PDB file of N, CA and C in Angstrom:
ATOM      1  N   UNK A   1      29.376 -44.264 -99.200  1.00  0.00           N
ATOM      2  CA  UNK A   1      30.230 -43.203 -99.291  1.00  0.00           C
ATOM      3  C   UNK A   1      29.893 -41.802-100.329  1.00  0.00           C
ATOM      4  N   UNK A   2      30.581 -40.891-100.391  1.00  0.00           N
ATOM      5  CA  UNK A   2      30.123 -39.510-101.233  1.00  0.00           C
ATOM      6  C   UNK A   2      29.901 -40.075-102.476  1.00  0.00           C
ATOM      7  N   UNK A   3      30.674 -40.766-103.029  1.00  0.00           N
ATOM      8  CA  UNK A   3      31.337 -41.244-104.325  1.00  0.00           C
ATOM      9  C   UNK A   3      29.334 -42.209-104.737  1.00  0.00           C
ATOM     10  N   UNK A   4      28.988 -42.979-103.585  1.00  0.00           N
ATOM     11  CA  UNK A   4      27.893 -43.711-103.786  1.00  0.00           C
ATOM     12  C   UNK A   4      26.718 -42.834-104.202  1.00  0.00           C
ATOM     13  N   UNK A   5      26.714 -41.845-103.097  1.00  0.00           N
ATOM     14  CA  UNK A   5      25.643 -41.046-103.134  1.00  0.00           C
ATOM     15  C   UNK A   5      25.619 -40.123-104.436  1.00  0.00           C
ATOM     16  N   UNK A   6      26.445 -39.671-104.908  1.00  0.00           N
ATOM     17  CA  UNK A   6      26.380 -39.096-105.997  1.00  0.00           C
ATOM     18  C   UNK A   6      25.868 -39.552-107.237  1.00  0.00           C
ATOM     19  N   UNK A   7      26.657 -40.697-107.124  1.00  0.00           N
ATOM     20  CA  UNK A   7      26.225 -41.891-108.112  1.00  0.00           C
ATOM     21  C   UNK A   7      24.800 -42.250-108.217  1.00  0.00           C
ATOM     22  N   UNK A   8      24.143 -42.320-107.170  1.00  0.00           N
ATOM     23  CA  UNK A   8      22.834 -42.370-106.463  1.00  0.00           C
ATOM     24  C   UNK A   8      21.539 -41.356-107.078  1.00  0.00           C
ATOM     25  N   UNK A   9      22.398 -40.118-106.717  1.00  0.00           N
ATOM     26  CA  UNK A   9      21.701 -38.729-107.022  1.00  0.00           C
ATOM     27  C   UNK A   9      21.476 -38.420-108.814  1.00  0.00           C
ATOM     28  N   UNK A  10      22.947 -38.885-109.369  1.00  0.00           N
ATOM     29  CA  UNK A  10      22.664 -39.066-110.955  1.00  0.00           C
ATOM     30  C   UNK A  10      21.277 -40.127-111.229  1.00  0.00           C
ATOM     31  N   UNK A  11      21.320 -40.975-110.927  1.00  0.00           N
ATOM     32  CA  UNK A  11      20.381 -42.320-111.015  1.00  0.00           C
ATOM     33  C   UNK A  11      19.196 -41.656-111.049  1.00  0.00           C
ATOM     34  N   UNK A  12      18.807 -41.048-109.748  1.00  0.00           N
ATOM     35  CA  UNK A  12      17.476 -40.819-109.317  1.00  0.00           C
ATOM     36  C   UNK A  12      16.998 -39.481-110.347  1.00  0.00           C
ATOM     37  N   UNK A  13      17.835 -38.482-110.773  1.00  0.00           N
ATOM     38  CA  UNK A  13      18.003 -37.259-111.274  1.00  0.00           C
ATOM     39  C   UNK A  13      17.723 -37.875-113.134  1.00  0.00           C
ATOM     40  N   UNK A  14      18.202 -38.714-113.441  1.00  0.00           N
ATOM     41  CA  UNK A  14      17.807 -39.035-114.792  1.00  0.00           C
ATOM     42  C   UNK A  14      16.460 -39.814-114.737  1.00  0.00           C
ATOM     43  N   UNK A  15      16.173 -40.066-113.729  1.00  0.00           N
ATOM     44  CA  UNK A  15      14.798 -40.883-114.005  1.00  0.00           C
ATOM     45  C   UNK A  15      13.094 -39.599-113.435  1.00  0.00           C
ATOM     46  N   UNK A  16      14.078 -38.359-113.066  1.00  0.00           N
ATOM     47  CA  UNK A  16      13.186 -37.615-112.759  1.00  0.00           C
ATOM     48  C   UNK A  16      12.490 -37.767-111.286  1.00  0.00           C
ATOM     49  N   UNK A  17      13.346 -38.092-110.747  1.00  0.00           N
ATOM     50  CA  UNK A  17      12.607 -38.506-108.991  1.00  0.00           C
ATOM     51  C   UNK A  17      13.011 -37.313-108.408  1.00  0.00           C
ATOM     52  N   UNK A  18      12.313 -37.083-107.485  1.00  0.00           N
ATOM     53  CA  UNK A  18      12.950 -35.762-106.550  1.00  0.00           C
ATOM     54  C   UNK A  18      13.384 -36.244-105.570  1.00  0.00           C
ATOM     55  N   UNK A  19      14.542 -35.805-105.379  1.00  0.00           N
ATOM     56  CA  UNK A  19      15.411 -35.993-104.121  1.00  0.00           C
ATOM     57  C   UNK A  19      16.318 -34.243-103.616  1.00  0.00           C
ATOM     58  N   UNK A  20      16.714 -34.702-102.428  1.00  0.00           N
ATOM     59  CA  UNK A  20      18.100 -33.662-102.230  1.00  0.00           C
ATOM     60  C   UNK A  20      19.326 -34.460-101.419  1.00  0.00           C
ATOM     61  N   UNK A  21      20.251 -34.022-102.046  1.00  0.00           N
ATOM     62  CA  UNK A  21      21.617 -34.584-101.379  1.00  0.00           C
ATOM     63  C   UNK A  21      21.665 -33.529-100.307  1.00  0.00           C
ATOM     64  N   UNK A  22      21.704 -34.406 -99.054  1.00  0.00           N
ATOM     65  CA  UNK A  22      21.972 -33.257 -97.657  1.00  0.00           C
ATOM     66  C   UNK A  22      23.217 -34.243 -96.811  1.00  0.00           C
ATOM     67  N   UNK A  23      23.350 -33.437 -95.733  1.00  0.00           N
ATOM     68  CA  UNK A  23      24.789 -34.129 -94.957  1.00  0.00           C
ATOM     69  C   UNK A  23      23.676 -35.345 -94.140  1.00  0.00           C
ATOM     70  N   UNK A  24      24.424 -36.134 -93.706  1.00  0.00           N
ATOM     71  CA  UNK A  24      23.473 -37.360 -92.739  1.00  0.00           C
ATOM     72  C   UNK A  24      23.231 -36.694 -91.422  1.00  0.00           C
ATOM     73  N   UNK A  25      22.333 -36.603 -90.968  1.00  0.00           N
ATOM     74  CA  UNK A  25      21.398 -36.159 -90.034  1.00  0.00           C
ATOM     75  C   UNK A  25      22.790 -37.231 -88.681  1.00  0.00           C
ATOM     76  N   UNK A  26      23.147 -36.216 -87.800  1.00  0.00           N
ATOM     77  CA  UNK A  26      23.635 -36.556 -86.315  1.00  0.00           C
ATOM     78  C   UNK A  26      22.813 -37.495 -85.923  1.00  0.00           C
ATOM     79  N   UNK A  27      21.665 -37.774 -85.568  1.00  0.00           N
ATOM     80  CA  UNK A  27      20.764 -38.604 -84.777  1.00  0.00           C
ATOM     81  C   UNK A  27      21.132 -40.279 -85.691  1.00  0.00           C
ATOM     82  N   UNK A  28      21.512 -40.038 -86.881  1.00  0.00           N
ATOM     83  CA  UNK A  28      21.790 -41.494 -87.700  1.00  0.00           C
ATOM     84  C   UNK A  28      22.765 -41.930 -87.776  1.00  0.00           C
ATOM     85  N   UNK A  29      24.168 -40.827 -87.758  1.00  0.00           N
ATOM     86  CA  UNK A  29      25.550 -41.479 -87.735  1.00  0.00           C
ATOM     87  C   UNK A  29      26.310 -40.211 -87.500  1.00  0.00           C
ATOM     88  N   UNK A  30      27.156 -40.561 -86.675  1.00  0.00           N
ATOM     89  CA  UNK A  30      28.101 -39.878 -85.897  1.00  0.00           C
ATOM     90  C   UNK A  30      29.020 -39.244 -87.159  1.00  0.00           C
ATOM     91  N   UNK A  31      29.534 -40.351 -88.385  1.00  0.00           N
ATOM     92  CA  UNK A  31      29.974 -39.931 -89.444  1.00  0.00           C
ATOM     93  C   UNK A  31      29.874 -38.795 -90.387  1.00  0.00           C
ATOM     94  N   UNK A  32      30.742 -38.151 -91.115  1.00  0.00           N
ATOM     95  CA  UNK A  32      31.029 -37.517 -91.830  1.00  0.00           C
ATOM     96  C   UNK A  32      29.990 -38.136 -93.053  1.00  0.00           C
ATOM     97  N   UNK A  33      29.392 -37.321 -93.837  1.00  0.00           N
ATOM     98  CA  UNK A  33      28.741 -38.023 -95.304  1.00  0.00           C
ATOM     99  C   UNK A  33      27.714 -37.323 -95.818  1.00  0.00           C
ATOM    100  N   UNK A  34      27.423 -37.778 -96.638  1.00  0.00           N
ATOM    101  CA  UNK A  34      25.798 -37.376 -97.494  1.00  0.00           C
ATOM    102  C   UNK A  34      24.824 -38.323 -97.277  1.00  0.00           C
ATOM    103  N   UNK A  35      23.559 -37.936 -98.083  1.00  0.00           N
ATOM    104  CA  UNK A  35      22.663 -39.108 -98.141  1.00  0.00           C
ATOM    105  C   UNK A  35      21.845 -38.066 -99.092  1.00  0.00           C
ATOM    106  N   UNK A  36      20.747 -39.148 -99.358  1.00  0.00           N
ATOM    107  CA  UNK A  36      19.950 -38.667-100.313  1.00  0.00           C
ATOM    108  C   UNK A  36      18.248 -38.888 -99.435  1.00  0.00           C
ATOM    109  N   UNK A  37      17.814 -37.555 -99.644  1.00  0.00           N
ATOM    110  CA  UNK A  37      16.542 -37.452 -99.151  1.00  0.00           C
ATOM    111  C   UNK A  37      15.593 -37.383-100.046  1.00  0.00           C
ATOM    112  N   UNK A  38      14.419 -38.230 -99.640  1.00  0.00           N
ATOM    113  CA  UNK A  38      13.224 -38.206-100.913  1.00  0.00           C
ATOM    114  C   UNK A  38      11.931 -38.489 -99.855  1.00  0.00           C
ATOM    115  N   UNK A  39      10.989 -38.338-100.767  1.00  0.00           N
ATOM    116  CA  UNK A  39       9.607 -38.257-100.067  1.00  0.00           C
ATOM    117  C   UNK A  39       9.385 -39.837 -99.717  1.00  0.00           C
ATOM    118  N   UNK A  40       8.488 -39.925 -98.501  1.00  0.00           N
ATOM    119  CA  UNK A  40       8.342 -41.069 -97.430  1.00  0.00           C
ATOM    120  C   UNK A  40       7.477 -41.918 -98.502  1.00  0.00           C
ATOM    121  N   UNK A  41       6.666 -41.472 -99.288  1.00  0.00           N
ATOM    122  CA  UNK A  41       5.782 -42.226-100.761  1.00  0.00           C
ATOM    123  C   UNK A  41       6.819 -42.566-101.934  1.00  0.00           C
ATOM    124  N   UNK A  42       7.917 -42.131-101.761  1.00  0.00           N
ATOM    125  CA  UNK A  42       8.913 -42.696-103.218  1.00  0.00           C
ATOM    126  C   UNK A  42       9.800 -43.814-102.394  1.00  0.00           C
ATOM    127  N   UNK A  43      10.106 -44.209-100.978  1.00  0.00           N
ATOM    128  CA  UNK A  43      11.219 -44.972-100.593  1.00  0.00           C
ATOM    129  C   UNK A  43      11.402 -46.143-101.402  1.00  0.00           C
ATOM    130  N   UNK A  44       9.770 -47.112-101.645  1.00  0.00           N
ATOM    131  CA  UNK A  44      10.030 -48.288-102.393  1.00  0.00           C
ATOM    132  C   UNK A  44      10.422 -48.189-103.912  1.00  0.00           C
ATOM    133  N   UNK A  45       9.988 -47.448-104.563  1.00  0.00           N
ATOM    134  CA  UNK A  45      10.301 -46.941-105.770  1.00  0.00           C
ATOM    135  C   UNK A  45      12.011 -46.990-105.682  1.00  0.00           C
ATOM    136  N   UNK A  46      12.393 -45.709-105.068  1.00  0.00           N
ATOM    137  CA  UNK A  46      13.835 -45.613-105.031  1.00  0.00           C
ATOM    138  C   UNK A  46      14.616 -46.538-104.832  1.00  0.00           C
ATOM    139  N   UNK A  47      14.045 -47.516-104.077  1.00  0.00           N
ATOM    140  CA  UNK A  47      14.934 -48.734-103.459  1.00  0.00           C
ATOM    141  C   UNK A  47      15.146 -49.646-104.767  1.00  0.00           C
ATOM    142  N   UNK A  48      13.954 -49.837-105.070  1.00  0.00           N
ATOM    143  CA  UNK A  48      14.104 -50.818-106.350  1.00  0.00           C
ATOM    144  C   UNK A  48      14.784 -50.229-107.321  1.00  0.00           C
ATOM    145  N   UNK A  49      14.889 -48.534-108.148  1.00  0.00           N
ATOM    146  CA  UNK A  49      15.692 -48.385-108.541  1.00  0.00           C
ATOM    147  C   UNK A  49      16.974 -48.294-108.352  1.00  0.00           C
ATOM    148  N   UNK A  50      17.338 -47.981-107.370  1.00  0.00           N
ATOM    149  CA  UNK A  50      19.002 -48.180-106.810  1.00  0.00           C
ATOM    150  C   UNK A  50      19.622 -49.793-106.749  1.00  0.00           C
ATOM    151  N   UNK A  51      18.700 -50.399-106.191  1.00  0.00           N
ATOM    152  CA  UNK A  51      19.003 -51.871-106.306  1.00  0.00           C
ATOM    153  C   UNK A  51      20.009 -52.351-107.130  1.00  0.00           C
ATOM    154  N   UNK A  52      21.212 -52.944-107.198  1.00  0.00           N
ATOM    155  CA  UNK A  52      21.792 -53.199-108.265  1.00  0.00           C
ATOM    156  C   UNK A  52      22.932 -52.154-108.767  1.00  0.00           C
ATOM    157  N   UNK A  53      22.337 -50.774-108.729  1.00  0.00           N
ATOM    158  CA  UNK A  53      22.808 -49.850-109.413  1.00  0.00           C
ATOM    159  C   UNK A  53      23.666 -49.115-109.062  1.00  0.00           C
ATOM    160  N   UNK A  54      23.625 -49.197-107.831  1.00  0.00           N
ATOM    161  CA  UNK A  54      25.034 -48.112-106.447  1.00  0.00           C
ATOM    162  C   UNK A  54      24.641 -49.006-105.209  1.00  0.00           C
ATOM    163  N   UNK A  55      25.318 -48.521-104.294  1.00  0.00           N
ATOM    164  CA  UNK A  55      25.918 -49.778-103.072  1.00  0.00           C
ATOM    165  C   UNK A  55      24.822 -48.557-102.422  1.00  0.00           C
ATOM    166  N   UNK A  56      24.221 -49.065-101.473  1.00  0.00           N
ATOM    167  CA  UNK A  56      23.547 -48.263-100.299  1.00  0.00           C
ATOM    168  C   UNK A  56      23.134 -48.992 -99.123  1.00  0.00           C
ATOM    169  N   UNK A  57      23.335 -48.349 -98.130  1.00  0.00           N
ATOM    170  CA  UNK A  57      23.183 -49.045 -96.889  1.00  0.00           C
ATOM    171  C   UNK A  57      21.221 -49.517 -96.621  1.00  0.00           C
ATOM    172  N   UNK A  58      20.800 -48.272 -96.125  1.00  0.00           N
ATOM    173  CA  UNK A  58      19.408 -48.211 -95.505  1.00  0.00           C
ATOM    174  C   UNK A  58      18.831 -46.999 -95.930  1.00  0.00           C
ATOM    175  N   UNK A  59      17.153 -47.311 -95.852  1.00  0.00           N
ATOM    176  CA  UNK A  59      16.243 -45.885 -95.675  1.00  0.00           C
ATOM    177  C   UNK A  59      16.022 -46.030 -94.269  1.00  0.00           C
ATOM    178  N   UNK A  60      15.843 -44.377 -93.947  1.00  0.00           N
ATOM    179  CA  UNK A  60      15.340 -44.106 -92.503  1.00  0.00           C
ATOM    180  C   UNK A  60      14.761 -42.984 -92.398  1.00  0.00           C
ATOM    181  N   UNK A  61      13.151 -43.610 -91.842  1.00  0.00           N
ATOM    182  CA  UNK A  61      12.305 -42.372 -92.034  1.00  0.00           C
ATOM    183  C   UNK A  61      12.873 -40.855 -91.184  1.00  0.00           C
ATOM    184  N   UNK A  62      12.727 -40.270 -91.568  1.00  0.00           N
ATOM    185  CA  UNK A  62      13.113 -38.631 -90.845  1.00  0.00           C
ATOM    186  C   UNK A  62      12.152 -37.944 -89.912  1.00  0.00           C
TER     187      UNK A  62
END
């Protein structure tokens, strides 16, 4: 949900993790919504930070 994405954005911002809030790409989902874009080298770190802190679905390489 948008609220989960915004909560995740705050968590990453507070930790100094580079990210960008973007619309979900259509090739991933037809639903409207937003997601966080992070560097491929940060995926494991971001997953560990967000685990238990916010509800999220998956990490998808772009």
